[in-house]
Amino acid sequence: MQYNKLLSFASQVFYNTLMQARNKIKSLAALKCVTLTKLADMMAQATGKPYTFKSLVGKMQRGTISLDEAYLIADLLGYRLEFIDKNTNLS
């Protein structure tokens, strides 16, 4: 029984992480008045790869957007991704 609870918890954490990333991308695109269809077109133009609305949404649902794709999405939407050392005092 304990194993099932742990597995259920892990599944929920994984699902929440996927939804957070998906919702974050959708929100950032909406703030820039860019639809996911337009974002996929922009990604295809920037990379020469065949991104479509369906493939982009599929990647978001499966949680398979690569770090390179995340950087690209951020750049195309006018944002930047940063890694900040959490041990650094920023105040």
Protein backbone atom coordinates (compact mmCIF):
# COMPACT_ATOMS: atom_id res chain seq x y z
CA MET A 1 0.00 0.00 0.00
CA GLN A 2 2.82 2.43 0.85
CA TYR A 3 4.38 1.88 -2.59
CA ASN A 4 1.08 2.79 -4.30
CA LYS A 5 0.85 6.03 -2.31
CA LEU A 6 4.42 6.92 -3.26
CA LEU A 7 3.78 6.13 -6.91
CA SER A 8 0.59 8.18 -6.87
CA PHE A 9 2.42 11.12 -5.27
CA ALA A 10 5.25 10.91 -7.82
CA SER A 11 2.72 10.81 -10.66
CA GLN A 12 0.95 13.87 -9.30
CA VAL A 13 4.22 15.82 -8.92
CA PHE A 14 5.21 14.91 -12.49
CA TYR A 15 1.78 15.94 -13.81
CA ASN A 16 1.89 19.26 -11.91
CA THR A 17 5.36 20.02 -13.30
CA LEU A 18 4.17 19.35 -16.86
CA MET A 19 1.12 21.52 -16.39
CA GLN A 20 3.17 24.34 -14.87
CA ALA A 21 5.54 24.40 -17.85
CA ARG A 22 2.67 24.16 -20.33
CA ASN A 23 0.71 26.90 -18.60
CA LYS A 24 3.79 29.10 -18.31
CA ILE A 25 4.48 28.88 -22.06
CA LYS A 26 0.83 29.54 -22.88
CA SER A 27 0.73 32.50 -20.48
CA LEU A 28 3.93 34.07 -21.77
CA ALA A 29 2.74 33.70 -25.36
CA ALA A 30 -0.63 35.24 -24.49
CA LEU A 31 1.07 38.22 -22.81
CA LYS A 32 2.80 38.90 -26.13
CA CYS A 33 -0.45 38.30 -28.10
CA VAL A 34 1.11 35.27 -29.80
CA THR A 35 -1.02 32.19 -30.39
CA LEU A 36 0.54 28.74 -30.10
CA THR A 37 -0.03 28.36 -33.86
CA LYS A 38 1.97 31.55 -34.46
CA LEU A 39 4.64 30.44 -31.99
CA ALA A 40 5.02 27.11 -33.81
CA ASP A 41 5.34 29.02 -37.11
CA MET A 42 7.98 31.29 -35.59
CA MET A 43 9.90 28.27 -34.29
CA ALA A 44 9.75 26.62 -37.71
CA GLN A 45 11.06 29.76 -39.40
CA ALA A 46 13.86 30.20 -36.86
CA THR A 47 15.07 26.60 -36.98
CA GLY A 48 13.98 25.20 -40.32
CA LYS A 49 12.35 22.34 -38.44
CA PRO A 50 8.71 21.37 -39.05
CA TYR A 51 7.04 22.79 -35.92
CA THR A 52 3.24 22.90 -36.03
CA PHE A 53 0.56 23.73 -33.51
CA LYS A 54 -0.07 20.00 -33.04
CA SER A 55 3.60 19.12 -32.54
CA LEU A 56 4.17 22.02 -30.13
CA VAL A 57 1.10 21.20 -28.03
CA GLY A 58 2.10 17.52 -28.07
CA LYS A 59 5.55 18.38 -26.74
CA MET A 60 4.01 20.55 -24.06
CA GLN A 61 1.57 17.81 -23.01
CA ARG A 62 4.27 15.14 -22.93
CA GLY A 63 6.81 17.42 -21.27
CA THR A 64 9.36 16.79 -24.00
CA ILE A 65 10.34 20.36 -24.86
CA SER A 66 14.12 20.42 -24.88
CA LEU A 67 16.22 23.06 -23.16
CA ASP A 68 17.20 24.41 -26.60
CA GLU A 69 13.51 24.71 -27.48
CA ALA A 70 12.79 26.46 -24.17
CA TYR A 71 15.57 28.98 -24.91
CA LEU A 72 14.18 29.45 -28.42
CA ILE A 73 10.62 29.99 -27.17
CA ALA A 74 11.82 32.50 -24.60
CA ASP A 75 13.87 34.37 -27.20
CA LEU A 76 11.06 34.45 -29.77
CA LEU A 77 8.70 35.85 -27.14
CA GLY A 78 11.20 38.47 -25.98
CA TYR A 79 12.25 36.77 -22.74
CA ARG A 80 15.43 35.13 -21.52
CA LEU A 81 16.02 32.10 -19.35
CA GLU A 82 18.58 32.31 -16.59
CA PHE A 83 20.07 29.91 -14.11
CA ILE A 84 20.68 31.67 -10.83
CA ASP A 85 22.78 30.17 -8.07
CA LYS A 86 20.36 29.81 -5.21
CA ASN A 87 23.23 30.13 -2.75
CA THR A 88 24.01 33.65 -3.98
CA ASN A 89 22.61 36.45 -1.84
CA LEU A 90 20.79 38.78 -4.25
CA SER A 91 19.78 41.45 -1.72
